């Protein structure tokens, strides 16, 4: 089990990692959120390498959390409404394998919860297409360059412009709210 003290890690890929930080940020029980790369075959890849789509990595966020204050199941409930779980070619305007969606579990309990949440999503009737978000074991996670960390705060104008152009918010509004 991946724990730091009483903390655990959760790793989610949801397209561009810039858009995956804010929904989880500044909530009680969330200790830290790191944007990075996981699931590939190149050690310590750079953004330039990952964005080619040839390293096998996903852009992802790794969340350190206190499960007694913020249970893993609550993280999953926040994760699903951030993505289009039926798109296997990327997310919104971001296309390519590095922008696929996945839940990377760190222990058997997380795997069971993630599998159940995916099953619930498939049975919800919310989507006419199959849910293609993968549930995979966590592997090496490489933090992205400093420039990408907390991008929505440190590059607010660029983040808002990119998010507006992406189509993510329109999708969330029409499918989740």
N, C-alpha and C. Protein backbone atom coordinates (compact mmCIF):
# COMPACT_ATOMS: atom_id res chain seq x y z
N UNK A 1 0.86 -1.18 0.00
CA UNK A 1 0.00 0.00 0.00
C UNK A 1 0.89 1.23 0.00
N UNK A 2 0.62 2.18 -0.89
CA UNK A 2 1.41 3.40 -0.96
C UNK A 2 0.86 4.40 0.05
N UNK A 3 1.60 4.59 1.12
CA UNK A 3 1.18 5.54 2.15
C UNK A 3 2.38 6.36 2.60
N UNK A 4 2.13 7.58 3.00
CA UNK A 4 3.13 8.41 3.64
C UNK A 4 2.50 8.80 4.98
N UNK A 5 2.97 8.20 6.07
CA UNK A 5 2.29 8.43 7.34
C UNK A 5 0.87 7.88 7.21
N UNK A 6 -0.11 8.71 7.48
CA UNK A 6 -1.51 8.32 7.33
C UNK A 6 -2.06 8.71 5.97
N UNK A 7 -1.20 9.09 5.05
CA UNK A 7 -1.62 9.56 3.74
C UNK A 7 -1.49 8.45 2.70
N UNK A 8 -2.29 8.59 1.65
CA UNK A 8 -2.20 7.69 0.50
C UNK A 8 -2.03 8.50 -0.76
N UNK A 9 -1.74 7.81 -1.85
CA UNK A 9 -1.64 8.45 -3.16
C UNK A 9 -2.74 7.93 -4.06
N UNK A 10 -3.23 8.82 -4.93
CA UNK A 10 -4.18 8.47 -5.98
C UNK A 10 -3.65 9.09 -7.26
N UNK A 11 -3.76 8.38 -8.37
CA UNK A 11 -3.24 8.89 -9.64
C UNK A 11 -4.34 8.79 -10.70
N UNK A 12 -4.59 9.92 -11.34
CA UNK A 12 -5.65 10.01 -12.35
C UNK A 12 -5.12 10.68 -13.61
N UNK A 13 -5.46 10.09 -14.76
CA UNK A 13 -5.19 10.71 -16.05
C UNK A 13 -6.54 11.16 -16.60
N UNK A 14 -6.60 12.43 -17.01
CA UNK A 14 -7.86 12.98 -17.50
C UNK A 14 -7.66 13.96 -18.62
N UNK A 15 -6.73 13.65 -19.51
CA UNK A 15 -6.40 14.60 -20.55
C UNK A 15 -5.31 15.53 -20.05
N UNK A 16 -5.34 16.75 -20.49
CA UNK A 16 -4.32 17.73 -20.09
C UNK A 16 -4.28 17.85 -18.57
N UNK A 17 -3.11 17.65 -17.99
CA UNK A 17 -3.02 17.69 -16.53
C UNK A 17 -3.28 19.08 -15.96
N UNK A 18 -3.17 20.12 -16.75
CA UNK A 18 -3.49 21.46 -16.26
C UNK A 18 -4.92 21.52 -15.73
N UNK A 19 -5.82 20.83 -16.42
CA UNK A 19 -7.25 20.89 -16.06
C UNK A 19 -7.62 19.91 -14.95
N UNK A 20 -6.69 19.08 -14.54
CA UNK A 20 -7.00 18.07 -13.53
C UNK A 20 -6.55 18.46 -12.13
N UNK A 21 -5.94 19.61 -11.96
CA UNK A 21 -5.47 20.03 -10.64
C UNK A 21 -6.57 20.75 -9.87
N UNK A 22 -7.13 21.77 -10.46
CA UNK A 22 -8.07 22.65 -9.77
C UNK A 22 -9.25 21.92 -9.12
N UNK A 23 -9.87 20.92 -9.75
CA UNK A 23 -11.02 20.28 -9.12
C UNK A 23 -10.71 19.63 -7.76
N UNK A 24 -9.46 19.24 -7.55
CA UNK A 24 -9.05 18.56 -6.33
C UNK A 24 -8.33 19.49 -5.35
N UNK A 25 -7.93 20.65 -5.82
CA UNK A 25 -7.07 21.54 -5.04
C UNK A 25 -7.83 22.23 -3.92
N UNK A 26 -7.11 22.46 -2.85
CA UNK A 26 -7.59 23.25 -1.72
C UNK A 26 -8.82 22.66 -1.04
N UNK A 27 -8.93 21.35 -1.03
CA UNK A 27 -10.01 20.67 -0.32
C UNK A 27 -9.43 20.03 0.94
N UNK A 28 -10.19 20.04 2.01
CA UNK A 28 -9.71 19.47 3.26
C UNK A 28 -9.39 17.99 3.05
N UNK A 29 -8.20 17.60 3.44
CA UNK A 29 -7.76 16.22 3.29
C UNK A 29 -6.86 15.99 2.09
N UNK A 30 -6.81 16.96 1.18
CA UNK A 30 -5.89 16.87 0.04
C UNK A 30 -4.59 17.52 0.48
N UNK A 31 -3.52 16.75 0.46
CA UNK A 31 -2.23 17.24 0.95
C UNK A 31 -1.46 17.91 -0.18
N UNK A 32 -1.39 17.25 -1.33
CA UNK A 32 -0.66 17.82 -2.47
C UNK A 32 -1.17 17.22 -3.76
N UNK A 33 -0.95 17.96 -4.84
CA UNK A 33 -1.30 17.49 -6.19
C UNK A 33 -0.11 17.80 -7.08
N UNK A 34 0.38 16.77 -7.76
CA UNK A 34 1.53 16.92 -8.63
C UNK A 34 1.15 16.53 -10.04
N UNK A 35 1.41 17.40 -11.00
CA UNK A 35 1.22 17.07 -12.41
C UNK A 35 2.43 16.29 -12.88
N UNK A 36 2.20 15.25 -13.69
CA UNK A 36 3.33 14.47 -14.16
C UNK A 36 2.95 13.47 -15.23
N UNK A 37 3.83 12.48 -15.36
CA UNK A 37 3.71 11.50 -16.43
C UNK A 37 3.81 10.10 -15.82
N UNK A 38 2.97 9.18 -16.31
CA UNK A 38 2.99 7.81 -15.81
C UNK A 38 2.56 6.85 -16.91
N UNK A 39 2.91 5.59 -16.73
CA UNK A 39 2.43 4.54 -17.61
C UNK A 39 3.24 4.30 -18.87
N UNK A 40 4.37 4.97 -19.01
CA UNK A 40 5.15 4.84 -20.24
C UNK A 40 6.36 3.94 -20.11
N UNK A 41 7.17 3.92 -21.17
CA UNK A 41 8.34 3.05 -21.23
C UNK A 41 9.66 3.82 -21.26
N UNK A 42 9.62 5.12 -21.00
CA UNK A 42 10.83 5.95 -20.97
C UNK A 42 11.01 6.46 -19.54
N UNK A 43 12.20 6.30 -18.99
CA UNK A 43 12.47 6.81 -17.65
C UNK A 43 12.59 8.32 -17.68
N UNK A 44 11.96 8.96 -16.69
CA UNK A 44 12.06 10.40 -16.47
C UNK A 44 11.88 11.22 -17.76
N UNK A 45 10.74 11.05 -18.42
CA UNK A 45 10.54 11.75 -19.70
C UNK A 45 10.31 13.25 -19.49
N UNK A 46 10.59 13.99 -20.53
CA UNK A 46 10.31 15.43 -20.53
C UNK A 46 8.94 15.66 -21.17
N UNK A 47 8.40 16.85 -20.98
CA UNK A 47 7.14 17.22 -21.62
C UNK A 47 7.28 17.10 -23.14
N UNK A 48 8.40 17.56 -23.67
CA UNK A 48 8.61 17.49 -25.11
C UNK A 48 8.56 16.05 -25.62
N UNK A 49 9.09 15.11 -24.85
CA UNK A 49 9.04 13.71 -25.24
C UNK A 49 7.62 13.15 -25.13
N UNK A 50 6.95 13.45 -24.02
CA UNK A 50 5.61 12.90 -23.79
C UNK A 50 4.62 13.43 -24.82
N UNK A 51 4.73 14.71 -25.16
CA UNK A 51 3.73 15.28 -26.08
C UNK A 51 3.82 14.71 -27.49
N UNK A 52 4.90 13.99 -27.82
CA UNK A 52 4.96 13.31 -29.12
C UNK A 52 4.00 12.13 -29.17
N UNK A 53 3.59 11.63 -27.99
CA UNK A 53 2.73 10.46 -27.94
C UNK A 53 3.47 9.15 -28.10
N UNK A 54 4.81 9.20 -28.17
CA UNK A 54 5.58 8.00 -28.45
C UNK A 54 6.21 7.35 -27.22
N UNK A 55 6.08 7.96 -26.04
CA UNK A 55 6.71 7.38 -24.84
C UNK A 55 5.77 6.43 -24.10
N UNK A 56 4.49 6.42 -24.46
CA UNK A 56 3.52 5.59 -23.78
C UNK A 56 2.96 6.19 -22.51
N UNK A 57 3.44 7.36 -22.13
CA UNK A 57 2.98 7.99 -20.89
C UNK A 57 1.63 8.67 -21.06
N UNK A 58 0.95 8.79 -19.95
CA UNK A 58 -0.26 9.59 -19.81
C UNK A 58 0.13 10.87 -19.08
N UNK A 59 -0.46 11.99 -19.43
CA UNK A 59 -0.40 13.15 -18.55
C UNK A 59 -1.34 12.83 -17.40
N UNK A 60 -0.89 13.02 -16.19
CA UNK A 60 -1.68 12.61 -15.02
C UNK A 60 -1.41 13.54 -13.85
N UNK A 61 -2.26 13.40 -12.85
CA UNK A 61 -2.02 14.07 -11.57
C UNK A 61 -1.91 12.99 -10.50
N UNK A 62 -0.97 13.20 -9.59
CA UNK A 62 -0.84 12.33 -8.44
C UNK A 62 -1.23 13.14 -7.22
N UNK A 63 -2.20 12.63 -6.49
CA UNK A 63 -2.78 13.33 -5.35
C UNK A 63 -2.38 12.60 -4.08
N UNK A 64 -1.78 13.34 -3.16
CA UNK A 64 -1.53 12.78 -1.84
C UNK A 64 -2.69 13.25 -0.97
N UNK A 65 -3.32 12.31 -0.26
CA UNK A 65 -4.52 12.66 0.48
C UNK A 65 -4.58 11.90 1.81
N UNK A 66 -5.35 12.45 2.72
CA UNK A 66 -5.61 11.81 4.00
C UNK A 66 -6.95 11.09 3.88
N UNK A 67 -6.94 9.75 3.81
CA UNK A 67 -8.19 9.03 3.57
C UNK A 67 -9.21 9.15 4.70
N UNK A 68 -8.77 9.52 5.89
CA UNK A 68 -9.75 9.69 6.96
C UNK A 68 -10.52 11.00 6.81
N UNK A 69 -9.94 11.96 6.08
CA UNK A 69 -10.62 13.23 5.82
C UNK A 69 -11.24 13.29 4.43
N UNK A 70 -10.64 12.59 3.49
CA UNK A 70 -11.09 12.63 2.10
C UNK A 70 -10.94 11.22 1.53
N UNK A 71 -11.94 10.37 1.67
CA UNK A 71 -11.84 8.98 1.21
C UNK A 71 -11.59 8.88 -0.30
N UNK A 72 -10.95 7.79 -0.68
CA UNK A 72 -10.64 7.54 -2.08
C UNK A 72 -11.90 7.56 -2.95
N UNK A 73 -12.98 7.03 -2.45
CA UNK A 73 -14.23 7.01 -3.21
C UNK A 73 -14.71 8.43 -3.54
N UNK A 74 -14.44 9.36 -2.66
CA UNK A 74 -14.81 10.76 -2.92
C UNK A 74 -13.92 11.34 -4.03
N UNK A 75 -12.65 10.94 -4.06
CA UNK A 75 -11.78 11.35 -5.17
C UNK A 75 -12.33 10.83 -6.49
N UNK A 76 -12.77 9.58 -6.52
CA UNK A 76 -13.35 9.01 -7.73
C UNK A 76 -14.60 9.78 -8.16
N UNK A 77 -15.43 10.15 -7.19
CA UNK A 77 -16.65 10.91 -7.53
C UNK A 77 -16.31 12.28 -8.11
N UNK A 78 -15.17 12.83 -7.73
CA UNK A 78 -14.73 14.10 -8.32
C UNK A 78 -14.06 13.89 -9.68
N UNK A 79 -13.39 12.77 -9.84
CA UNK A 79 -12.66 12.48 -11.08
C UNK A 79 -13.58 12.34 -12.29
N UNK A 80 -14.57 11.45 -12.19
CA UNK A 80 -15.39 11.12 -13.37
C UNK A 80 -16.00 12.35 -14.04
N UNK A 81 -16.54 13.32 -13.32
CA UNK A 81 -17.17 14.47 -13.98
C UNK A 81 -16.18 15.46 -14.61
N UNK A 82 -14.88 15.16 -14.56
CA UNK A 82 -13.89 16.04 -15.19
C UNK A 82 -13.55 15.58 -16.60
N UNK A 83 -14.05 14.41 -17.00
CA UNK A 83 -13.59 13.78 -18.24
C UNK A 83 -14.76 13.34 -19.12
N UNK A 84 -14.42 12.97 -20.35
CA UNK A 84 -15.33 12.23 -21.22
C UNK A 84 -14.83 10.79 -21.20
N UNK A 85 -15.44 9.93 -20.41
CA UNK A 85 -14.92 8.57 -20.27
C UNK A 85 -15.14 7.68 -21.49
N UNK A 86 -15.77 8.22 -22.53
CA UNK A 86 -16.03 7.43 -23.74
C UNK A 86 -15.04 7.73 -24.86
N UNK A 87 -14.10 8.63 -24.64
CA UNK A 87 -13.18 9.06 -25.70
C UNK A 87 -11.82 8.39 -25.51
N UNK A 88 -11.46 7.48 -26.43
CA UNK A 88 -10.17 6.79 -26.31
C UNK A 88 -9.07 7.45 -27.14
N UNK A 89 -9.35 8.59 -27.73
CA UNK A 89 -8.35 9.27 -28.56
C UNK A 89 -7.77 10.52 -27.91
N UNK A 90 -8.07 10.73 -26.65
CA UNK A 90 -7.62 11.92 -25.94
C UNK A 90 -8.79 12.54 -25.21
N UNK A 91 -8.67 13.81 -24.91
CA UNK A 91 -9.74 14.52 -24.22
C UNK A 91 -9.92 15.88 -24.85
N UNK A 92 -11.14 16.11 -25.34
CA UNK A 92 -11.53 17.41 -25.86
C UNK A 92 -10.57 17.83 -26.97
N UNK A 93 -9.97 19.02 -26.91
CA UNK A 93 -9.09 19.44 -28.01
C UNK A 93 -7.73 18.75 -27.97
N UNK A 94 -7.41 18.10 -26.87
CA UNK A 94 -6.10 17.46 -26.72
C UNK A 94 -6.19 16.02 -27.22
N UNK A 95 -5.54 15.76 -28.32
CA UNK A 95 -5.63 14.46 -28.98
C UNK A 95 -4.30 13.73 -28.87
N UNK A 96 -4.38 12.43 -28.76
CA UNK A 96 -3.20 11.59 -28.71
C UNK A 96 -3.20 10.71 -27.48
N UNK A 97 -2.37 9.67 -27.50
CA UNK A 97 -2.37 8.70 -26.40
C UNK A 97 -1.97 9.29 -25.06
N UNK A 98 -1.21 10.36 -25.05
CA UNK A 98 -0.80 10.98 -23.79
C UNK A 98 -1.97 11.66 -23.08
N UNK A 99 -3.08 11.84 -23.77
CA UNK A 99 -4.26 12.50 -23.19
C UNK A 99 -5.41 11.53 -22.90
N UNK A 100 -5.13 10.23 -22.95
CA UNK A 100 -6.15 9.24 -22.62
C UNK A 100 -6.52 9.33 -21.13
N UNK A 101 -7.64 8.74 -20.77
CA UNK A 101 -8.07 8.72 -19.38
C UNK A 101 -7.75 7.38 -18.74
N UNK A 102 -7.41 7.43 -17.46
CA UNK A 102 -7.15 6.21 -16.70
C UNK A 102 -7.15 6.52 -15.21
N UNK A 103 -7.53 5.52 -14.45
CA UNK A 103 -7.37 5.55 -13.00
C UNK A 103 -6.25 4.56 -12.70
N UNK A 104 -5.20 5.03 -12.05
CA UNK A 104 -4.07 4.18 -11.66
C UNK A 104 -4.18 3.89 -10.17
N UNK A 105 -4.43 2.63 -9.83
CA UNK A 105 -4.62 2.28 -8.43
C UNK A 105 -3.29 1.93 -7.76
N UNK A 106 -3.23 2.21 -6.45
CA UNK A 106 -2.01 1.98 -5.67
C UNK A 106 -2.13 0.81 -4.70
N UNK A 107 -3.31 0.23 -4.57
CA UNK A 107 -3.50 -0.92 -3.68
C UNK A 107 -4.79 -1.62 -4.07
N UNK A 108 -5.03 -2.76 -3.45
CA UNK A 108 -6.20 -3.58 -3.81
C UNK A 108 -7.52 -2.88 -3.50
N UNK A 109 -7.56 -2.13 -2.41
CA UNK A 109 -8.80 -1.40 -2.09
C UNK A 109 -9.10 -0.35 -3.14
N UNK A 110 -8.08 0.38 -3.58
CA UNK A 110 -8.29 1.37 -4.64
C UNK A 110 -8.72 0.69 -5.93
N UNK A 111 -8.12 -0.44 -6.25
CA UNK A 111 -8.52 -1.15 -7.47
C UNK A 111 -10.00 -1.53 -7.41
N UNK A 112 -10.43 -2.10 -6.28
CA UNK A 112 -11.83 -2.50 -6.14
C UNK A 112 -12.76 -1.30 -6.25
N UNK A 113 -12.40 -0.20 -5.60
CA UNK A 113 -13.23 1.01 -5.66
C UNK A 113 -13.28 1.59 -7.07
N UNK A 114 -12.13 1.60 -7.74
CA UNK A 114 -12.07 2.14 -9.10
C UNK A 114 -12.89 1.27 -10.06
N UNK A 115 -12.76 -0.05 -9.94
CA UNK A 115 -13.53 -0.95 -10.80
C UNK A 115 -15.03 -0.77 -10.57
N UNK A 116 -15.43 -0.63 -9.31
CA UNK A 116 -16.84 -0.45 -9.00
C UNK A 116 -17.34 0.88 -9.55
N UNK A 117 -16.53 1.93 -9.41
CA UNK A 117 -16.97 3.24 -9.90
C UNK A 117 -17.11 3.23 -11.42
N UNK A 118 -16.22 2.50 -12.10
CA UNK A 118 -16.33 2.39 -13.56
C UNK A 118 -17.60 1.61 -13.92
N UNK A 119 -17.86 0.53 -13.20
CA UNK A 119 -19.06 -0.27 -13.45
C UNK A 119 -20.32 0.60 -13.25
N UNK A 120 -20.31 1.38 -12.17
CA UNK A 120 -21.44 2.28 -11.91
C UNK A 120 -21.60 3.28 -13.05
N UNK A 121 -20.49 3.78 -13.57
CA UNK A 121 -20.53 4.74 -14.68
C UNK A 121 -21.12 4.08 -15.92
N UNK A 122 -20.68 2.85 -16.20
CA UNK A 122 -21.19 2.12 -17.37
C UNK A 122 -22.69 1.86 -17.25
N UNK A 123 -23.17 1.62 -16.06
CA UNK A 123 -24.58 1.29 -15.85
C UNK A 123 -25.46 2.51 -15.61
N UNK A 124 -24.85 3.68 -15.58
CA UNK A 124 -25.61 4.90 -15.26
C UNK A 124 -26.55 5.33 -16.37
N UNK A 125 -26.26 4.92 -17.60
CA UNK A 125 -27.07 5.37 -18.73
C UNK A 125 -26.74 6.79 -19.17
N UNK A 126 -25.72 7.36 -18.58
CA UNK A 126 -25.33 8.74 -18.87
C UNK A 126 -24.73 8.87 -20.28
N UNK A 127 -24.13 7.79 -20.79
CA UNK A 127 -23.44 7.85 -22.07
C UNK A 127 -23.96 6.77 -23.01
N UNK A 128 -24.05 7.11 -24.30
CA UNK A 128 -24.51 6.13 -25.28
C UNK A 128 -23.34 5.29 -25.81
N UNK A 129 -22.11 5.76 -25.62
CA UNK A 129 -20.92 5.03 -26.05
C UNK A 129 -20.31 4.29 -24.86
N UNK A 130 -19.50 3.26 -25.11
CA UNK A 130 -18.87 2.52 -24.02
C UNK A 130 -17.89 3.40 -23.22
N UNK A 131 -17.78 3.12 -21.94
CA UNK A 131 -16.79 3.78 -21.08
C UNK A 131 -15.45 3.10 -21.34
N UNK A 132 -14.47 3.87 -21.82
CA UNK A 132 -13.17 3.31 -22.19
C UNK A 132 -12.05 3.69 -21.21
N UNK A 133 -12.35 4.46 -20.20
CA UNK A 133 -11.35 4.81 -19.20
C UNK A 133 -10.80 3.53 -18.58
N UNK A 134 -9.48 3.40 -18.59
CA UNK A 134 -8.86 2.19 -18.07
C UNK A 134 -8.63 2.28 -16.56
N UNK A 135 -8.63 1.13 -15.91
CA UNK A 135 -8.25 0.99 -14.51
C UNK A 135 -6.96 0.17 -14.53
N UNK A 136 -5.85 0.79 -14.11
CA UNK A 136 -4.54 0.17 -14.27
C UNK A 136 -3.74 0.27 -12.99
N UNK A 137 -2.80 -0.65 -12.79
CA UNK A 137 -1.93 -0.52 -11.62
C UNK A 137 -1.01 0.69 -11.78
N UNK A 138 -0.77 1.37 -10.67
CA UNK A 138 0.15 2.51 -10.69
C UNK A 138 1.55 2.02 -11.02
N UNK A 139 2.27 2.84 -11.73
CA UNK A 139 3.67 2.54 -12.06
C UNK A 139 4.47 3.81 -11.75
N UNK A 140 5.69 3.85 -12.21
CA UNK A 140 6.54 5.02 -11.92
C UNK A 140 5.82 6.30 -12.34
N UNK A 141 5.88 7.28 -11.47
CA UNK A 141 5.28 8.59 -11.73
C UNK A 141 6.41 9.61 -11.73
N UNK A 142 6.49 10.39 -12.80
CA UNK A 142 7.54 11.40 -12.96
C UNK A 142 6.91 12.78 -12.92
N UNK A 143 7.25 13.59 -11.92
CA UNK A 143 6.70 14.94 -11.87
C UNK A 143 7.06 15.72 -13.15
N UNK A 144 6.09 16.47 -13.63
CA UNK A 144 6.32 17.34 -14.80
C UNK A 144 7.21 18.50 -14.38
N UNK A 145 7.69 19.21 -15.36
CA UNK A 145 8.52 20.37 -15.14
C UNK A 145 7.79 21.39 -14.26
N UNK A 146 8.55 22.18 -13.52
CA UNK A 146 7.97 23.17 -12.59
C UNK A 146 6.93 24.05 -13.27
N UNK A 147 7.15 24.40 -14.52
CA UNK A 147 6.24 25.27 -15.27
C UNK A 147 4.81 24.74 -15.26
N UNK A 148 4.66 23.41 -15.22
CA UNK A 148 3.33 22.79 -15.31
C UNK A 148 2.63 22.66 -13.95
N UNK A 149 3.36 22.81 -12.87
CA UNK A 149 2.76 22.63 -11.54
C UNK A 149 1.85 23.81 -11.20
N UNK A 150 0.66 23.50 -10.73
CA UNK A 150 -0.33 24.53 -10.35
C UNK A 150 -0.55 25.55 -11.46
N UNK A 151 -0.55 25.08 -12.68
CA UNK A 151 -0.63 25.96 -13.85
C UNK A 151 -1.84 26.88 -13.81
N UNK A 152 -2.95 26.38 -13.30
CA UNK A 152 -4.16 27.21 -13.28
C UNK A 152 -3.99 28.42 -12.37
N UNK A 153 -3.06 28.36 -11.43
CA UNK A 153 -2.78 29.50 -10.56
C UNK A 153 -1.64 30.36 -11.08
N UNK A 154 -0.58 29.71 -11.55
CA UNK A 154 0.63 30.44 -11.94
C UNK A 154 0.55 31.06 -13.33
N UNK A 155 -0.32 30.55 -14.16
CA UNK A 155 -0.51 31.06 -15.53
C UNK A 155 -2.01 31.20 -15.78
N UNK A 156 -2.66 31.95 -14.93
CA UNK A 156 -4.12 32.01 -14.90
C UNK A 156 -4.74 32.38 -16.24
N UNK A 157 -4.20 33.41 -16.89
CA UNK A 157 -4.78 33.87 -18.16
C UNK A 157 -4.65 32.78 -19.23
N UNK A 158 -3.46 32.22 -19.37
CA UNK A 158 -3.23 31.18 -20.38
C UNK A 158 -4.09 29.95 -20.09
N UNK A 159 -4.20 29.59 -18.81
CA UNK A 159 -5.02 28.45 -18.43
C UNK A 159 -6.48 28.67 -18.81
N UNK A 160 -7.02 29.83 -18.47
CA UNK A 160 -8.43 30.12 -18.77
C UNK A 160 -8.69 30.11 -20.27
N UNK A 161 -7.77 30.67 -21.05
CA UNK A 161 -7.94 30.68 -22.51
C UNK A 161 -7.91 29.25 -23.07
N UNK A 162 -6.94 28.45 -22.60
CA UNK A 162 -6.82 27.08 -23.09
C UNK A 162 -8.05 26.27 -22.70
N UNK A 163 -8.49 26.42 -21.48
CA UNK A 163 -9.66 25.67 -21.02
C UNK A 163 -10.91 26.06 -21.79
N UNK A 164 -11.07 27.36 -22.05
CA UNK A 164 -12.23 27.82 -22.79
C UNK A 164 -12.25 27.23 -24.21
N UNK A 165 -11.09 27.19 -24.85
CA UNK A 165 -11.00 26.66 -26.21
C UNK A 165 -11.16 25.14 -26.27
N UNK A 166 -10.90 24.47 -25.16
CA UNK A 166 -10.85 23.01 -25.17
C UNK A 166 -12.20 22.34 -25.39
N UNK A 167 -13.27 22.96 -24.95
CA UNK A 167 -14.58 22.33 -25.01
C UNK A 167 -14.90 21.50 -23.76
N UNK A 168 -13.97 21.42 -22.84
CA UNK A 168 -14.17 20.64 -21.61
C UNK A 168 -15.36 21.15 -20.81
N UNK A 169 -15.43 22.45 -20.59
CA UNK A 169 -16.49 23.00 -19.75
C UNK A 169 -17.87 22.78 -20.36
N UNK A 170 -17.99 22.90 -21.68
CA UNK A 170 -19.27 22.66 -22.33
C UNK A 170 -19.69 21.20 -22.17
N UNK A 171 -18.72 20.30 -22.30
CA UNK A 171 -19.02 18.88 -22.13
C UNK A 171 -19.47 18.59 -20.70
N UNK A 172 -18.72 19.12 -19.73
CA UNK A 172 -19.07 18.92 -18.32
C UNK A 172 -20.48 19.45 -18.06
N UNK A 173 -20.75 20.62 -18.56
CA UNK A 173 -22.07 21.22 -18.33
C UNK A 173 -23.18 20.35 -18.94
N UNK A 174 -22.97 19.86 -20.14
CA UNK A 174 -24.04 19.12 -20.81
C UNK A 174 -24.18 17.67 -20.31
N UNK A 175 -23.12 17.07 -19.79
CA UNK A 175 -23.20 15.66 -19.39
C UNK A 175 -23.22 15.42 -17.89
N UNK A 176 -22.75 16.38 -17.12
CA UNK A 176 -22.58 16.11 -15.70
C UNK A 176 -23.43 16.98 -14.79
N UNK A 177 -23.92 18.10 -15.30
CA UNK A 177 -24.65 19.01 -14.41
C UNK A 177 -26.11 19.12 -14.78
